[in-house]
Amino acid sequence: GAQPIVGYNYGAKKFSRVRELLGLIVRWTAIVCLICTVLFEAFPRLFIQMFGADGELYTQFAVQCLRIYLSLILFTCVQKVCAIFLQSIGHAKAAAPLSILRDVLLIVFSVAAPMVWGVTGIFWAAPIADVLAIAVTAAVMVRLWNQLKAEDSQPADAQPVLQKSRPGVIITIAREHGTAGKRVG
């Protein structure tokens, strides 16, 4: 939901505001995820019963799965928010790989971890993927944060240099209400 606000301020070269927004977005994401993590860890049976419970053995297995698999959901959410933030400021080359990084790592470790730890290895695939994805994302975001600081310290009167457009056709598919962009796309 913050993408338009971030994009507007980035386009207006209000980099201190963009940094402030990033901090605010990450902070609120972390707060919501920490609350969810506490609920998942404290009341796993409540969430499992939403999907049905076929006996005590099933419930024990599901509790273990839920507690391990979702233990680092905070990292997942912060990592996704950072990828979306990069997209909103036009850094698609960084945003696209980060958007799928955790999911690709999850697939890899979902196959590899059970070979080492058995069935419960599948549960550990998510936290392992989360740690690796947040580490890569943190490196990218620290570099971006420093770039935003440097750009903010440049004089505001510097005019951007317009470059000549490339020849060709541009097709835009709108996704606004009533445009049928999703169906056309």
N, C-alpha and C. Protein backbone atom coordinates (compact mmCIF):
# COMPACT_ATOMS: atom_id res chain seq x y z
N GLY A 1 0.80 -1.20 0.00
CA GLY A 1 0.00 0.00 0.00
C GLY A 1 0.84 1.26 0.00
N ALA A 2 2.08 1.18 0.40
CA ALA A 2 2.93 2.36 0.47
C ALA A 2 3.65 2.66 -0.84
N GLN A 3 3.53 1.76 -1.82
CA GLN A 3 4.25 1.95 -3.07
C GLN A 3 4.02 3.31 -3.72
N PRO A 4 2.80 3.78 -3.85
CA PRO A 4 2.62 5.09 -4.49
C PRO A 4 3.28 6.23 -3.71
N ILE A 5 3.22 6.16 -2.40
CA ILE A 5 3.81 7.21 -1.57
C ILE A 5 5.33 7.19 -1.70
N VAL A 6 5.90 6.00 -1.65
CA VAL A 6 7.36 5.86 -1.79
C VAL A 6 7.79 6.33 -3.18
N GLY A 7 7.10 5.85 -4.21
CA GLY A 7 7.44 6.23 -5.58
C GLY A 7 7.33 7.72 -5.82
N TYR A 8 6.30 8.34 -5.29
CA TYR A 8 6.11 9.79 -5.45
C TYR A 8 7.27 10.55 -4.81
N ASN A 9 7.62 10.20 -3.59
CA ASN A 9 8.69 10.90 -2.88
C ASN A 9 10.05 10.63 -3.51
N TYR A 10 10.25 9.42 -4.02
CA TYR A 10 11.50 9.12 -4.71
C TYR A 10 11.60 9.95 -5.98
N GLY A 11 10.50 10.02 -6.73
CA GLY A 11 10.48 10.82 -7.95
C GLY A 11 10.68 12.30 -7.68
N ALA A 12 10.19 12.75 -6.53
CA ALA A 12 10.35 14.16 -6.14
C ALA A 12 11.73 14.42 -5.53
N LYS A 13 12.56 13.39 -5.48
CA LYS A 13 13.92 13.47 -4.93
C LYS A 13 13.92 13.87 -3.45
N LYS A 14 12.91 13.43 -2.74
CA LYS A 14 12.84 13.66 -1.30
C LYS A 14 13.35 12.39 -0.61
N PHE A 15 14.66 12.20 -0.72
CA PHE A 15 15.27 10.94 -0.28
C PHE A 15 15.22 10.75 1.23
N SER A 16 15.24 11.82 1.99
CA SER A 16 15.12 11.66 3.44
C SER A 16 13.74 11.12 3.78
N ARG A 17 12.74 11.56 3.05
CA ARG A 17 11.39 11.06 3.26
C ARG A 17 11.28 9.59 2.83
N VAL A 18 11.97 9.23 1.76
CA VAL A 18 11.98 7.84 1.29
C VAL A 18 12.62 6.94 2.35
N ARG A 19 13.74 7.40 2.93
CA ARG A 19 14.38 6.63 4.01
C ARG A 19 13.45 6.52 5.21
N GLU A 20 12.76 7.60 5.53
CA GLU A 20 11.81 7.58 6.64
C GLU A 20 10.69 6.58 6.38
N LEU A 21 10.18 6.58 5.16
CA LEU A 21 9.12 5.64 4.79
C LEU A 21 9.60 4.20 4.88
N LEU A 22 10.83 3.93 4.42
CA LEU A 22 11.36 2.58 4.50
C LEU A 22 11.42 2.12 5.95
N GLY A 23 11.91 2.98 6.82
CA GLY A 23 11.97 2.64 8.24
C GLY A 23 10.60 2.38 8.81
N LEU A 24 9.64 3.20 8.44
CA LEU A 24 8.27 3.04 8.93
C LEU A 24 7.64 1.74 8.44
N ILE A 25 7.83 1.45 7.17
CA ILE A 25 7.27 0.23 6.58
C ILE A 25 7.87 -1.01 7.23
N VAL A 26 9.19 -1.03 7.37
CA VAL A 26 9.86 -2.19 7.97
C VAL A 26 9.44 -2.33 9.44
N ARG A 27 9.37 -1.22 10.14
CA ARG A 27 9.00 -1.26 11.56
C ARG A 27 7.59 -1.83 11.75
N TRP A 28 6.62 -1.35 10.98
CA TRP A 28 5.24 -1.85 11.13
C TRP A 28 5.10 -3.29 10.66
N THR A 29 5.83 -3.65 9.62
CA THR A 29 5.83 -5.05 9.18
C THR A 29 6.38 -5.94 10.29
N ALA A 30 7.46 -5.50 10.92
CA ALA A 30 8.06 -6.29 12.00
C ALA A 30 7.11 -6.42 13.18
N ILE A 31 6.42 -5.34 13.52
CA ILE A 31 5.48 -5.39 14.65
C ILE A 31 4.37 -6.40 14.39
N VAL A 32 3.76 -6.33 13.21
CA VAL A 32 2.68 -7.25 12.86
C VAL A 32 3.20 -8.69 12.84
N CYS A 33 4.38 -8.89 12.26
CA CYS A 33 4.93 -10.26 12.18
C CYS A 33 5.31 -10.80 13.54
N LEU A 34 5.82 -9.96 14.42
CA LEU A 34 6.15 -10.43 15.76
C LEU A 34 4.89 -10.85 16.52
N ILE A 35 3.83 -10.08 16.36
CA ILE A 35 2.55 -10.45 16.99
C ILE A 35 2.08 -11.80 16.44
N CYS A 36 2.15 -11.96 15.12
CA CYS A 36 1.74 -13.23 14.51
C CYS A 36 2.61 -14.38 14.99
N THR A 37 3.92 -14.16 15.08
CA THR A 37 4.82 -15.21 15.54
C THR A 37 4.49 -15.63 16.96
N VAL A 38 4.24 -14.65 17.83
CA VAL A 38 3.86 -14.97 19.21
C VAL A 38 2.58 -15.80 19.23
N LEU A 39 1.60 -15.42 18.41
CA LEU A 39 0.34 -16.17 18.35
C LEU A 39 0.56 -17.58 17.81
N PHE A 40 1.39 -17.72 16.75
CA PHE A 40 1.67 -19.04 16.19
C PHE A 40 2.36 -19.93 17.21
N GLU A 41 3.30 -19.36 17.95
CA GLU A 41 4.07 -20.15 18.93
C GLU A 41 3.24 -20.45 20.19
N ALA A 42 2.42 -19.50 20.61
CA ALA A 42 1.66 -19.67 21.86
C ALA A 42 0.38 -20.49 21.66
N PHE A 43 -0.25 -20.35 20.52
CA PHE A 43 -1.54 -21.01 20.29
C PHE A 43 -1.55 -21.78 18.96
N PRO A 44 -0.62 -22.68 18.74
CA PRO A 44 -0.58 -23.36 17.45
C PRO A 44 -1.82 -24.21 17.18
N ARG A 45 -2.36 -24.80 18.23
CA ARG A 45 -3.54 -25.67 18.05
C ARG A 45 -4.74 -24.88 17.52
N LEU A 46 -4.85 -23.64 17.92
CA LEU A 46 -5.95 -22.79 17.44
C LEU A 46 -5.89 -22.66 15.92
N PHE A 47 -4.70 -22.43 15.40
CA PHE A 47 -4.55 -22.27 13.95
C PHE A 47 -4.69 -23.60 13.22
N ILE A 48 -4.20 -24.65 13.84
CA ILE A 48 -4.31 -25.97 13.21
C ILE A 48 -5.77 -26.41 13.12
N GLN A 49 -6.55 -26.13 14.16
CA GLN A 49 -7.95 -26.53 14.17
C GLN A 49 -8.77 -25.81 13.10
N MET A 50 -8.28 -24.68 12.62
CA MET A 50 -8.97 -23.98 11.53
C MET A 50 -9.01 -24.84 10.27
N PHE A 51 -8.04 -25.74 10.16
CA PHE A 51 -7.93 -26.58 8.98
C PHE A 51 -8.31 -28.03 9.26
N GLY A 52 -8.75 -28.28 10.47
CA GLY A 52 -9.17 -29.62 10.83
C GLY A 52 -8.10 -30.34 11.63
N ALA A 53 -8.54 -31.23 12.49
CA ALA A 53 -7.62 -32.03 13.31
C ALA A 53 -8.12 -33.47 13.30
N ASP A 54 -7.28 -34.36 12.82
CA ASP A 54 -7.67 -35.77 12.67
C ASP A 54 -7.12 -36.67 13.77
N GLY A 55 -6.87 -36.14 14.91
CA GLY A 55 -6.36 -36.97 16.00
C GLY A 55 -5.14 -36.35 16.65
N GLU A 56 -4.75 -36.95 17.76
CA GLU A 56 -3.65 -36.38 18.56
C GLU A 56 -2.31 -36.48 17.84
N LEU A 57 -2.05 -37.57 17.16
CA LEU A 57 -0.78 -37.73 16.44
C LEU A 57 -0.65 -36.67 15.35
N TYR A 58 -1.74 -36.48 14.60
CA TYR A 58 -1.77 -35.43 13.57
C TYR A 58 -1.51 -34.07 14.19
N THR A 59 -2.18 -33.77 15.29
CA THR A 59 -2.05 -32.47 15.94
C THR A 59 -0.62 -32.24 16.43
N GLN A 60 0.00 -33.24 17.03
CA GLN A 60 1.39 -33.11 17.47
C GLN A 60 2.32 -32.82 16.30
N PHE A 61 2.12 -33.53 15.21
CA PHE A 61 2.92 -33.33 14.01
C PHE A 61 2.71 -31.92 13.46
N ALA A 62 1.46 -31.49 13.40
CA ALA A 62 1.13 -30.18 12.86
C ALA A 62 1.67 -29.05 13.74
N VAL A 63 1.62 -29.22 15.06
CA VAL A 63 2.17 -28.21 15.98
C VAL A 63 3.67 -28.06 15.74
N GLN A 64 4.37 -29.17 15.62
CA GLN A 64 5.81 -29.12 15.36
C GLN A 64 6.08 -28.42 14.03
N CYS A 65 5.32 -28.78 13.02
CA CYS A 65 5.47 -28.17 11.70
C CYS A 65 5.25 -26.66 11.76
N LEU A 66 4.14 -26.26 12.36
CA LEU A 66 3.79 -24.84 12.43
C LEU A 66 4.86 -24.05 13.17
N ARG A 67 5.30 -24.56 14.29
CA ARG A 67 6.28 -23.84 15.12
C ARG A 67 7.62 -23.68 14.41
N ILE A 68 8.06 -24.69 13.72
CA ILE A 68 9.35 -24.60 13.03
C ILE A 68 9.22 -23.81 11.74
N TYR A 69 8.26 -24.19 10.90
CA TYR A 69 8.12 -23.61 9.56
C TYR A 69 7.87 -22.11 9.60
N LEU A 70 7.07 -21.66 10.56
CA LEU A 70 6.73 -20.23 10.64
C LEU A 70 7.56 -19.47 11.68
N SER A 71 8.60 -20.09 12.21
CA SER A 71 9.37 -19.44 13.27
C SER A 71 10.04 -18.15 12.83
N LEU A 72 10.42 -18.05 11.57
CA LEU A 72 11.08 -16.83 11.08
C LEU A 72 10.25 -16.11 10.03
N ILE A 73 8.95 -16.17 10.19
CA ILE A 73 8.06 -15.50 9.24
C ILE A 73 8.34 -13.99 9.21
N LEU A 74 8.87 -13.47 10.29
CA LEU A 74 9.28 -12.06 10.34
C LEU A 74 10.28 -11.77 9.22
N PHE A 75 11.28 -12.64 9.05
CA PHE A 75 12.28 -12.44 8.00
C PHE A 75 11.63 -12.48 6.62
N THR A 76 10.70 -13.41 6.44
CA THR A 76 10.01 -13.52 5.15
C THR A 76 9.30 -12.23 4.80
N CYS A 77 8.54 -11.72 5.75
CA CYS A 77 7.75 -10.51 5.48
C CYS A 77 8.63 -9.29 5.25
N VAL A 78 9.66 -9.12 6.06
CA VAL A 78 10.56 -7.97 5.88
C VAL A 78 11.28 -8.09 4.54
N GLN A 79 11.68 -9.29 4.17
CA GLN A 79 12.37 -9.49 2.90
C GLN A 79 11.45 -9.14 1.73
N LYS A 80 10.19 -9.55 1.80
CA LYS A 80 9.24 -9.24 0.73
C LYS A 80 8.96 -7.74 0.66
N VAL A 81 8.84 -7.10 1.82
CA VAL A 81 8.60 -5.66 1.86
C VAL A 81 9.76 -4.90 1.23
N CYS A 82 10.98 -5.35 1.49
CA CYS A 82 12.14 -4.69 0.89
C CYS A 82 12.14 -4.84 -0.63
N ALA A 83 11.78 -6.01 -1.12
CA ALA A 83 11.70 -6.22 -2.57
C ALA A 83 10.64 -5.32 -3.19
N ILE A 84 9.51 -5.19 -2.53
CA ILE A 84 8.44 -4.32 -3.04
C ILE A 84 8.88 -2.86 -2.98
N PHE A 85 9.60 -2.49 -1.92
CA PHE A 85 10.13 -1.13 -1.81
C PHE A 85 11.06 -0.82 -2.98
N LEU A 86 11.96 -1.75 -3.30
CA LEU A 86 12.87 -1.55 -4.42
C LEU A 86 12.10 -1.38 -5.73
N GLN A 87 11.05 -2.15 -5.89
CA GLN A 87 10.21 -2.04 -7.08
C GLN A 87 9.58 -0.65 -7.15
N SER A 88 9.15 -0.14 -6.02
CA SER A 88 8.45 1.15 -6.01
C SER A 88 9.37 2.33 -6.32
N ILE A 89 10.68 2.16 -6.15
CA ILE A 89 11.60 3.24 -6.49
C ILE A 89 12.31 2.97 -7.82
N GLY A 90 11.82 2.00 -8.56
CA GLY A 90 12.32 1.76 -9.90
C GLY A 90 13.58 0.92 -9.99
N HIS A 91 13.92 0.19 -8.94
CA HIS A 91 15.10 -0.66 -8.96
C HIS A 91 14.69 -2.10 -9.28
N ALA A 92 14.11 -2.28 -10.45
CA ALA A 92 13.57 -3.58 -10.85
C ALA A 92 14.63 -4.67 -10.94
N LYS A 93 15.85 -4.29 -11.32
CA LYS A 93 16.91 -5.30 -11.46
C LYS A 93 17.27 -5.93 -10.11
N ALA A 94 17.08 -5.19 -9.04
CA ALA A 94 17.31 -5.75 -7.70
C ALA A 94 16.03 -6.35 -7.14
N ALA A 95 14.89 -5.73 -7.44
CA ALA A 95 13.61 -6.16 -6.88
C ALA A 95 13.18 -7.53 -7.38
N ALA A 96 13.31 -7.76 -8.67
CA ALA A 96 12.82 -9.03 -9.24
C ALA A 96 13.51 -10.25 -8.65
N PRO A 97 14.84 -10.28 -8.60
CA PRO A 97 15.47 -11.47 -7.99
C PRO A 97 15.16 -11.60 -6.50
N LEU A 98 15.09 -10.48 -5.79
CA LEU A 98 14.78 -10.56 -4.36
C LEU A 98 13.36 -11.05 -4.12
N SER A 99 12.45 -10.72 -5.03
CA SER A 99 11.06 -11.14 -4.89
C SER A 99 10.91 -12.66 -4.90
N ILE A 100 11.76 -13.32 -5.65
CA ILE A 100 11.64 -14.78 -5.76
C ILE A 100 12.74 -15.53 -5.00
N LEU A 101 13.70 -14.80 -4.44
CA LEU A 101 14.83 -15.44 -3.78
C LEU A 101 14.42 -16.43 -2.71
N ARG A 102 13.59 -16.00 -1.78
CA ARG A 102 13.18 -16.87 -0.68
C ARG A 102 12.45 -18.10 -1.20
N ASP A 103 11.59 -17.90 -2.19
CA ASP A 103 10.81 -19.01 -2.73
C ASP A 103 11.70 -20.04 -3.43
N VAL A 104 12.69 -19.57 -4.17
CA VAL A 104 13.62 -20.49 -4.84
C VAL A 104 14.44 -21.25 -3.79
N LEU A 105 14.93 -20.53 -2.78
CA LEU A 105 15.69 -21.18 -1.71
C LEU A 105 14.82 -22.20 -0.97
N LEU A 106 13.56 -21.85 -0.78
CA LEU A 106 12.64 -22.76 -0.09
C LEU A 106 12.47 -24.06 -0.87
N ILE A 107 12.35 -23.97 -2.16
CA ILE A 107 12.22 -25.17 -2.99
C ILE A 107 13.48 -26.02 -2.90
N VAL A 108 14.62 -25.37 -3.01
CA VAL A 108 15.90 -26.09 -2.95
C VAL A 108 16.05 -26.81 -1.61
N PHE A 109 15.80 -26.08 -0.52
CA PHE A 109 15.98 -26.69 0.81
C PHE A 109 14.86 -27.66 1.16
N SER A 110 13.69 -27.52 0.55
CA SER A 110 12.62 -28.50 0.79
C SER A 110 12.99 -29.85 0.19
N VAL A 111 13.80 -29.83 -0.83
CA VAL A 111 14.28 -31.08 -1.43
C VAL A 111 15.52 -31.58 -0.69
N ALA A 112 16.43 -30.69 -0.34
CA ALA A 112 17.72 -31.09 0.24
C ALA A 112 17.64 -31.42 1.73
N ALA A 113 16.92 -30.63 2.51
CA ALA A 113 16.91 -30.80 3.96
C ALA A 113 16.38 -32.17 4.42
N PRO A 114 15.33 -32.70 3.80
CA PRO A 114 14.86 -34.03 4.23
C PRO A 114 15.89 -35.13 4.01
N MET A 115 16.81 -34.94 3.10
CA MET A 115 17.86 -35.93 2.87
C MET A 115 18.79 -36.02 4.08
N VAL A 116 18.88 -34.91 4.82
CA VAL A 116 19.75 -34.86 5.99
C VAL A 116 18.96 -35.12 7.28
N TRP A 117 17.81 -34.47 7.42
CA TRP A 117 17.05 -34.50 8.68
C TRP A 117 15.75 -35.29 8.61
N GLY A 118 15.50 -35.97 7.54
CA GLY A 118 14.26 -36.74 7.42
C GLY A 118 13.06 -35.83 7.16
N VAL A 119 11.89 -36.29 7.54
CA VAL A 119 10.65 -35.55 7.27
C VAL A 119 10.67 -34.16 7.88
N THR A 120 11.22 -34.05 9.09
CA THR A 120 11.23 -32.72 9.72
C THR A 120 12.17 -31.75 9.01
N GLY A 121 13.01 -32.25 8.13
CA GLY A 121 13.86 -31.37 7.32
C GLY A 121 13.05 -30.42 6.46
N ILE A 122 11.86 -30.89 6.04
CA ILE A 122 10.99 -30.01 5.25
C ILE A 122 10.57 -28.81 6.08
N PHE A 123 10.33 -29.02 7.38
CA PHE A 123 9.96 -27.90 8.25
C PHE A 123 11.08 -26.88 8.34
N TRP A 124 12.32 -27.38 8.41
CA TRP A 124 13.48 -26.50 8.57
C TRP A 124 13.86 -25.78 7.28
N ALA A 125 13.31 -26.20 6.17
CA ALA A 125 13.62 -25.55 4.88
C ALA A 125 13.23 -24.08 4.90
N ALA A 126 12.10 -23.76 5.49
CA ALA A 126 11.64 -22.36 5.51
C ALA A 126 12.55 -21.47 6.35
N PRO A 127 12.87 -21.81 7.61
CA PRO A 127 13.78 -20.95 8.36
C PRO A 127 15.15 -20.79 7.71
N ILE A 128 15.67 -21.86 7.11
CA ILE A 128 16.97 -21.77 6.43
C ILE A 128 16.87 -20.80 5.26
N ALA A 129 15.81 -20.95 4.45
CA ALA A 129 15.60 -20.05 3.32
C ALA A 129 15.41 -18.61 3.80
N ASP A 130 14.69 -18.45 4.90
CA ASP A 130 14.46 -17.10 5.45
C ASP A 130 15.76 -16.42 5.86
N VAL A 131 16.63 -17.15 6.53
CA VAL A 131 17.90 -16.57 6.99
C VAL A 131 18.76 -16.16 5.79
N LEU A 132 18.87 -17.03 4.81
CA LEU A 132 19.70 -16.71 3.64
C LEU A 132 19.11 -15.55 2.84
N ALA A 133 17.80 -15.55 2.65
CA ALA A 133 17.15 -14.49 1.87
C ALA A 133 17.26 -13.14 2.57
N ILE A 134 17.09 -13.11 3.89
CA ILE A 134 17.17 -11.82 4.60
C ILE A 134 18.61 -11.32 4.61
N ALA A 135 19.59 -12.22 4.63
CA ALA A 135 20.99 -11.79 4.60
C ALA A 135 21.32 -11.10 3.27
N VAL A 136 20.90 -11.71 2.17
CA VAL A 136 21.13 -11.10 0.85
C VAL A 136 20.37 -9.78 0.74
N THR A 137 19.12 -9.78 1.19
CA THR A 137 18.30 -8.58 1.12
C THR A 137 18.90 -7.46 1.98
N ALA A 138 19.39 -7.80 3.15
CA ALA A 138 20.00 -6.79 4.03
C ALA A 138 21.19 -6.14 3.35
N ALA A 139 22.02 -6.93 2.68
CA ALA A 139 23.18 -6.37 1.97
C ALA A 139 22.74 -5.38 0.89
N VAL A 140 21.72 -5.75 0.14
CA VAL A 140 21.21 -4.87 -0.92
C VAL A 140 20.62 -3.59 -0.31
N MET A 141 19.87 -3.75 0.77
CA MET A 141 19.19 -2.60 1.38
C MET A 141 20.18 -1.65 2.06
N VAL A 142 21.24 -2.17 2.66
CA VAL A 142 22.24 -1.29 3.27
C VAL A 142 22.91 -0.45 2.19
N ARG A 143 23.23 -1.07 1.06
CA ARG A 143 23.83 -0.31 -0.05
C ARG A 143 22.86 0.75 -0.55
N LEU A 144 21.60 0.40 -0.69
CA LEU A 144 20.60 1.37 -1.14
C LEU A 144 20.45 2.50 -0.13
N TRP A 145 20.41 2.17 1.15
CA TRP A 145 20.28 3.17 2.21
C TRP A 145 21.41 4.20 2.11
N ASN A 146 22.62 3.72 1.90
CA ASN A 146 23.77 4.61 1.76
C ASN A 146 23.67 5.46 0.50
N GLN A 147 23.16 4.89 -0.59
CA GLN A 147 22.95 5.65 -1.82
C GLN A 147 21.93 6.76 -1.60
N LEU A 148 20.85 6.45 -0.89
CA LEU A 148 19.82 7.46 -0.61
C LEU A 148 20.39 8.59 0.25
N LYS A 149 21.24 8.26 1.20
CA LYS A 149 21.89 9.29 2.02
C LYS A 149 22.77 10.18 1.15
N ALA A 150 23.54 9.56 0.26
CA ALA A 150 24.43 10.32 -0.61
C ALA A 150 23.65 11.20 -1.57
N GLU A 151 22.57 10.68 -2.13
CA GLU A 151 21.75 11.46 -3.06
C GLU A 151 21.05 12.60 -2.35
N ASP A 152 20.69 12.38 -1.09
CA ASP A 152 20.01 13.42 -0.31
C ASP A 152 20.95 14.58 -0.01
N SER A 153 22.25 14.32 0.06
CA SER A 153 23.20 15.38 0.38
C SER A 153 23.60 16.20 -0.84
N GLN A 154 23.20 15.77 -2.04
CA GLN A 154 23.50 16.54 -3.25
C GLN A 154 22.59 17.75 -3.32
N PRO A 155 23.05 18.83 -3.95
CA PRO A 155 22.23 20.04 -4.05
C PRO A 155 20.91 19.78 -4.78
N ALA A 156 19.85 20.41 -4.27
CA ALA A 156 18.51 20.20 -4.82
C ALA A 156 18.32 20.85 -6.18
N ASP A 157 19.17 21.83 -6.52
CA ASP A 157 18.99 22.55 -7.77
C ASP A 157 19.60 21.82 -8.97
N ALA A 158 20.23 20.67 -8.75
CA ALA A 158 20.80 19.91 -9.85
C ALA A 158 19.67 19.39 -10.73
N GLN A 159 19.72 19.73 -12.00
CA GLN A 159 18.68 19.33 -12.95
C GLN A 159 19.00 17.96 -13.54
N PRO A 160 18.00 17.10 -13.64
CA PRO A 160 18.25 15.80 -14.26
C PRO A 160 18.50 15.97 -15.76
N VAL A 161 19.36 15.13 -16.28
CA VAL A 161 19.66 15.19 -17.70
C VAL A 161 18.67 14.27 -18.41
N LEU A 162 17.93 14.85 -19.35
CA LEU A 162 16.98 14.05 -20.12
C LEU A 162 17.73 13.35 -21.24
N GLN A 163 17.42 12.09 -21.41
CA GLN A 163 18.06 11.33 -22.47
C GLN A 163 17.05 11.10 -23.57
N LYS A 164 17.57 10.97 -24.76
CA LYS A 164 16.73 10.74 -25.92
C LYS A 164 16.04 9.38 -25.79
N SER A 165 14.75 9.33 -26.13
CA SER A 165 14.00 8.08 -26.06
C SER A 165 14.42 7.15 -27.19
N ARG A 166 14.26 5.87 -26.93
CA ARG A 166 14.53 4.88 -27.96
C ARG A 166 13.32 4.80 -28.88
N PRO A 167 13.54 4.57 -30.15
CA PRO A 167 12.39 4.42 -31.05
C PRO A 167 11.69 3.08 -30.79
N GLY A 168 10.41 3.04 -31.05
CA GLY A 168 9.68 1.80 -30.88
C GLY A 168 8.28 2.06 -30.35
N VAL A 169 7.55 0.99 -30.19
CA VAL A 169 6.17 1.06 -29.73
C VAL A 169 6.14 0.69 -28.25
N ILE A 170 5.36 1.44 -27.48
CA ILE A 170 5.18 1.15 -26.08
C ILE A 170 3.72 0.78 -25.86
N ILE A 171 3.49 -0.38 -25.29
CA ILE A 171 2.12 -0.81 -25.00
C ILE A 171 1.95 -0.82 -23.49
N THR A 172 0.92 -0.15 -23.03
CA THR A 172 0.64 -0.10 -21.60
C THR A 172 -0.69 -0.77 -21.33
N ILE A 173 -0.69 -1.68 -20.38
CA ILE A 173 -1.93 -2.33 -19.97
C ILE A 173 -2.25 -1.81 -18.58
N ALA A 174 -3.30 -1.02 -18.48
CA ALA A 174 -3.67 -0.44 -17.19
C ALA A 174 -4.30 -1.49 -16.30
N ARG A 175 -4.10 -1.35 -15.02
CA ARG A 175 -4.67 -2.29 -14.06
C ARG A 175 -5.69 -1.58 -13.17
N GLU A 176 -6.15 -0.44 -13.58
CA GLU A 176 -7.09 0.33 -12.77
C GLU A 176 -8.50 -0.23 -12.91
N HIS A 177 -9.34 0.08 -11.94
CA HIS A 177 -10.70 -0.43 -11.91
C HIS A 177 -11.44 -0.10 -13.21
N GLY A 178 -12.02 -1.11 -13.80
CA GLY A 178 -12.85 -0.92 -14.98
C GLY A 178 -12.12 -0.94 -16.29
N THR A 179 -10.79 -1.13 -16.30
CA THR A 179 -10.05 -1.09 -17.55
C THR A 179 -9.89 -2.44 -18.21
N ALA A 180 -10.17 -3.50 -17.48
CA ALA A 180 -10.03 -4.87 -17.97
C ALA A 180 -8.58 -5.21 -18.29
N GLY A 181 -7.63 -4.49 -17.69
CA GLY A 181 -6.21 -4.73 -17.93
C GLY A 181 -5.78 -6.12 -17.56
N LYS A 182 -6.34 -6.68 -16.50
CA LYS A 182 -5.95 -8.03 -16.08
C LYS A 182 -6.39 -9.04 -17.13
N ARG A 183 -7.60 -8.88 -17.62
CA ARG A 183 -8.12 -9.81 -18.63
C ARG A 183 -7.31 -9.67 -19.94
N VAL A 184 -7.02 -8.42 -20.35
CA VAL A 184 -6.26 -8.19 -21.56
C VAL A 184 -4.86 -8.74 -21.42
N GLY A 185 -4.21 -8.47 -20.26
CA GLY A 185 -2.85 -8.95 -20.00
C GLY A 185 -2.81 -10.45 -20.01
